[in-house]
Amino acid sequence: MAGMLQNDKEWNREGVPGLMHIPVLKYLFSHKVKTSRKTSVVIFVTPTLLDAPKAPVAFNAGGSDDDLLSIEAKKDMGGFHG
């Protein structure tokens, strides 16, 4: 399991538009608003074991590798149908 956490805090001043900007009067005509935001992302990983893939096996009717090479050569020349 893995994840990320993010915490954001924000302070804003809200109040009467003209009077909240006057230094002495801003405390009477405005107030602070605190906004907290928490974000989390969690990732779950589940391991899975797979069987190893098996290598393809060539059909060897004659029993030797030379026969396979001659069959492949005949296929390339177009003389083998099988």
N, C-alpha and C. Protein backbone atom coordinates (compact mmCIF):
# COMPACT_ATOMS: atom_id res chain seq x y z
N MET A 1 0.85 -1.16 0.00
CA MET A 1 0.00 0.00 0.00
C MET A 1 0.91 1.23 0.00
N ALA A 2 0.54 2.21 -0.80
CA ALA A 2 1.29 3.46 -0.89
C ALA A 2 0.31 4.61 -1.00
N GLY A 3 0.76 5.80 -0.71
CA GLY A 3 -0.16 6.92 -0.82
C GLY A 3 0.52 8.25 -0.63
N MET A 4 -0.25 9.28 -0.85
CA MET A 4 0.22 10.65 -0.68
C MET A 4 -0.82 11.41 0.13
N LEU A 5 -0.35 12.26 1.01
CA LEU A 5 -1.23 13.11 1.80
C LEU A 5 -0.88 14.56 1.52
N GLN A 6 -1.89 15.41 1.45
CA GLN A 6 -1.67 16.83 1.23
C GLN A 6 -2.61 17.61 2.14
N ASN A 7 -2.06 18.53 2.89
CA ASN A 7 -2.85 19.39 3.78
C ASN A 7 -2.69 20.83 3.32
N ASP A 8 -3.79 21.51 3.07
CA ASP A 8 -3.78 22.91 2.67
C ASP A 8 -4.57 23.71 3.70
N LYS A 9 -3.96 24.81 4.15
CA LYS A 9 -4.66 25.73 5.05
C LYS A 9 -4.65 27.10 4.39
N GLU A 10 -5.78 27.77 4.44
CA GLU A 10 -5.91 29.06 3.79
C GLU A 10 -6.68 30.00 4.71
N TRP A 11 -6.16 31.22 4.86
CA TRP A 11 -6.82 32.24 5.65
C TRP A 11 -7.30 33.35 4.72
N ASN A 12 -8.57 33.71 4.81
CA ASN A 12 -9.13 34.81 4.03
C ASN A 12 -9.83 35.78 4.97
N ARG A 13 -9.86 37.04 4.56
CA ARG A 13 -10.60 38.04 5.33
C ARG A 13 -11.82 38.43 4.52
N GLU A 14 -13.00 38.30 5.15
CA GLU A 14 -14.26 38.65 4.51
C GLU A 14 -14.91 39.76 5.32
N GLY A 15 -15.65 40.62 4.63
CA GLY A 15 -16.35 41.69 5.34
C GLY A 15 -16.94 42.73 4.40
N VAL A 16 -17.23 43.91 4.93
CA VAL A 16 -17.81 45.01 4.15
C VAL A 16 -16.73 45.53 3.21
N PRO A 17 -17.01 45.58 1.89
CA PRO A 17 -15.96 45.87 0.90
C PRO A 17 -15.13 47.13 1.16
N GLY A 18 -15.70 48.24 1.45
CA GLY A 18 -14.89 49.45 1.61
C GLY A 18 -14.29 49.58 3.00
N LEU A 19 -15.05 49.21 4.02
CA LEU A 19 -14.62 49.44 5.39
C LEU A 19 -13.62 48.41 5.91
N MET A 20 -13.56 47.24 5.29
CA MET A 20 -12.64 46.20 5.77
C MET A 20 -11.19 46.50 5.43
N HIS A 21 -10.93 47.50 4.58
CA HIS A 21 -9.55 47.83 4.20
C HIS A 21 -8.99 49.00 5.00
N ILE A 22 -9.80 49.64 5.82
CA ILE A 22 -9.32 50.73 6.68
C ILE A 22 -8.69 50.10 7.92
N PRO A 23 -7.42 50.44 8.24
CA PRO A 23 -6.68 49.74 9.30
C PRO A 23 -7.39 49.64 10.65
N VAL A 24 -8.00 50.68 11.14
CA VAL A 24 -8.61 50.62 12.47
C VAL A 24 -9.98 49.96 12.41
N LEU A 25 -10.72 50.18 11.33
CA LEU A 25 -12.09 49.67 11.23
C LEU A 25 -12.18 48.23 10.73
N LYS A 26 -11.09 47.68 10.19
CA LYS A 26 -11.17 46.33 9.62
C LYS A 26 -11.56 45.28 10.67
N TYR A 27 -11.23 45.50 11.93
CA TYR A 27 -11.58 44.53 12.98
C TYR A 27 -13.07 44.57 13.31
N LEU A 28 -13.72 45.72 13.06
CA LEU A 28 -15.16 45.84 13.34
C LEU A 28 -16.02 45.39 12.16
N PHE A 29 -15.49 45.51 10.92
CA PHE A 29 -16.30 45.24 9.74
C PHE A 29 -15.81 44.05 8.92
N SER A 30 -14.99 43.19 9.51
CA SER A 30 -14.51 42.01 8.77
C SER A 30 -14.22 40.88 9.76
N HIS A 31 -14.00 39.72 9.20
CA HIS A 31 -13.60 38.57 10.01
C HIS A 31 -12.74 37.64 9.15
N LYS A 32 -11.93 36.85 9.83
CA LYS A 32 -11.06 35.90 9.13
C LYS A 32 -11.79 34.58 8.97
N VAL A 33 -11.56 33.96 7.82
CA VAL A 33 -12.14 32.64 7.54
C VAL A 33 -10.98 31.68 7.28
N LYS A 34 -10.94 30.62 8.08
CA LYS A 34 -9.90 29.59 7.92
C LYS A 34 -10.50 28.42 7.14
N THR A 35 -9.83 28.03 6.08
CA THR A 35 -10.26 26.89 5.28
C THR A 35 -9.16 25.83 5.33
N SER A 36 -9.52 24.64 5.74
CA SER A 36 -8.58 23.52 5.76
C SER A 36 -9.05 22.48 4.75
N ARG A 37 -8.10 21.97 4.00
CA ARG A 37 -8.43 20.96 3.00
C ARG A 37 -7.40 19.83 3.11
N LYS A 38 -7.89 18.62 3.26
CA LYS A 38 -7.01 17.46 3.33
C LYS A 38 -7.31 16.56 2.14
N THR A 39 -6.27 16.19 1.43
CA THR A 39 -6.42 15.33 0.26
C THR A 39 -5.51 14.13 0.45
N SER A 40 -6.03 12.96 0.17
CA SER A 40 -5.21 11.75 0.26
C SER A 40 -5.46 10.87 -0.95
N VAL A 41 -4.39 10.29 -1.46
CA VAL A 41 -4.45 9.35 -2.56
C VAL A 41 -3.81 8.07 -2.07
N VAL A 42 -4.55 6.98 -2.15
CA VAL A 42 -4.05 5.69 -1.67
C VAL A 42 -4.04 4.72 -2.84
N ILE A 43 -2.95 4.01 -2.99
CA ILE A 43 -2.80 3.02 -4.07
C ILE A 43 -2.59 1.66 -3.43
N PHE A 44 -3.43 0.72 -3.80
CA PHE A 44 -3.30 -0.65 -3.32
C PHE A 44 -2.70 -1.49 -4.44
N VAL A 45 -1.64 -2.22 -4.12
CA VAL A 45 -0.98 -3.09 -5.09
C VAL A 45 -1.08 -4.51 -4.58
N THR A 46 -1.59 -5.39 -5.42
CA THR A 46 -1.72 -6.80 -5.07
C THR A 46 -0.79 -7.63 -5.96
N PRO A 47 0.24 -8.22 -5.39
CA PRO A 47 1.13 -9.04 -6.21
C PRO A 47 0.46 -10.36 -6.61
N THR A 48 0.70 -10.77 -7.83
CA THR A 48 0.14 -12.01 -8.35
C THR A 48 1.26 -12.81 -9.00
N LEU A 49 1.41 -14.05 -8.61
CA LEU A 49 2.43 -14.91 -9.19
C LEU A 49 1.84 -15.64 -10.39
N LEU A 50 2.56 -15.62 -11.49
CA LEU A 50 2.13 -16.28 -12.71
C LEU A 50 3.09 -17.41 -13.02
N ASP A 51 2.59 -18.43 -13.72
CA ASP A 51 3.46 -19.50 -14.17
C ASP A 51 4.36 -18.98 -15.29
N ALA A 52 5.59 -19.50 -15.33
CA ALA A 52 6.51 -19.10 -16.39
C ALA A 52 6.00 -19.63 -17.72
N PRO A 53 6.07 -18.83 -18.79
CA PRO A 53 5.62 -19.32 -20.09
C PRO A 53 6.52 -20.45 -20.58
N LYS A 54 5.91 -21.43 -21.20
CA LYS A 54 6.68 -22.57 -21.71
C LYS A 54 7.17 -22.25 -23.12
N ALA A 55 8.39 -22.70 -23.41
CA ALA A 55 8.96 -22.47 -24.73
C ALA A 55 8.26 -23.36 -25.74
N PRO A 56 8.01 -22.86 -26.96
CA PRO A 56 7.38 -23.70 -27.98
C PRO A 56 8.29 -24.86 -28.36
N VAL A 57 7.70 -26.01 -28.58
CA VAL A 57 8.45 -27.22 -28.93
C VAL A 57 8.15 -27.56 -30.39
N ALA A 58 9.22 -27.74 -31.17
CA ALA A 58 9.05 -28.09 -32.59
C ALA A 58 8.81 -29.58 -32.70
N PHE A 59 7.95 -29.96 -33.62
CA PHE A 59 7.66 -31.38 -33.86
C PHE A 59 8.80 -31.96 -34.69
N ASN A 60 9.44 -32.99 -34.16
CA ASN A 60 10.56 -33.61 -34.84
C ASN A 60 10.19 -35.05 -35.16
N ALA A 61 9.75 -35.28 -36.40
CA ALA A 61 9.31 -36.63 -36.79
C ALA A 61 10.48 -37.57 -36.96
N GLY A 62 11.59 -37.07 -37.49
CA GLY A 62 12.73 -37.93 -37.77
C GLY A 62 13.63 -38.14 -36.58
N GLY A 63 13.66 -37.24 -35.68
CA GLY A 63 14.46 -37.42 -34.49
C GLY A 63 15.75 -36.63 -34.47
N SER A 64 16.14 -35.97 -35.57
CA SER A 64 17.39 -35.22 -35.53
C SER A 64 17.14 -33.77 -35.95
N ASP A 65 18.04 -32.92 -35.53
CA ASP A 65 17.93 -31.50 -35.87
C ASP A 65 18.18 -31.26 -37.35
N ASP A 66 18.97 -32.15 -37.98
CA ASP A 66 19.25 -31.98 -39.41
C ASP A 66 17.97 -32.14 -40.23
N ASP A 67 17.07 -33.04 -39.79
CA ASP A 67 15.81 -33.22 -40.49
C ASP A 67 14.96 -31.95 -40.41
N LEU A 68 14.97 -31.31 -39.27
CA LEU A 68 14.22 -30.07 -39.12
C LEU A 68 14.77 -28.99 -40.04
N LEU A 69 16.10 -28.92 -40.15
CA LEU A 69 16.70 -27.92 -41.03
C LEU A 69 16.35 -28.19 -42.49
N SER A 70 16.31 -29.44 -42.88
CA SER A 70 15.97 -29.75 -44.28
C SER A 70 14.49 -29.46 -44.54
N ILE A 71 13.62 -29.70 -43.57
CA ILE A 71 12.19 -29.37 -43.74
C ILE A 71 12.01 -27.87 -43.88
N GLU A 72 12.72 -27.08 -43.08
CA GLU A 72 12.63 -25.63 -43.18
C GLU A 72 13.16 -25.15 -44.53
N ALA A 73 14.23 -25.77 -45.01
CA ALA A 73 14.78 -25.39 -46.31
C ALA A 73 13.78 -25.71 -47.42
N LYS A 74 13.10 -26.83 -47.34
CA LYS A 74 12.09 -27.20 -48.34
C LYS A 74 10.90 -26.23 -48.29
N LYS A 75 10.53 -25.80 -47.08
CA LYS A 75 9.44 -24.83 -46.95
C LYS A 75 9.80 -23.53 -47.65
N ASP A 76 11.06 -23.12 -47.49
CA ASP A 76 11.51 -21.88 -48.11
C ASP A 76 11.49 -21.98 -49.64
N MET A 77 11.77 -23.17 -50.16
CA MET A 77 11.78 -23.35 -51.62
C MET A 77 10.39 -23.66 -52.17
N GLY A 78 9.46 -23.95 -51.30
CA GLY A 78 8.09 -24.25 -51.72
C GLY A 78 7.88 -25.71 -52.09
N GLY A 79 8.81 -26.59 -51.75
CA GLY A 79 8.69 -27.99 -52.13
C GLY A 79 8.09 -28.87 -51.04
N PHE A 80 7.79 -28.33 -49.90
CA PHE A 80 7.27 -29.15 -48.79
C PHE A 80 5.84 -28.77 -48.51
N HIS A 81 4.97 -29.75 -48.44
CA HIS A 81 3.57 -29.53 -48.09
C HIS A 81 3.26 -30.41 -46.90
N GLY A 82 3.14 -29.82 -45.75
CA GLY A 82 2.87 -30.69 -44.63
C GLY A 82 2.49 -29.93 -43.47
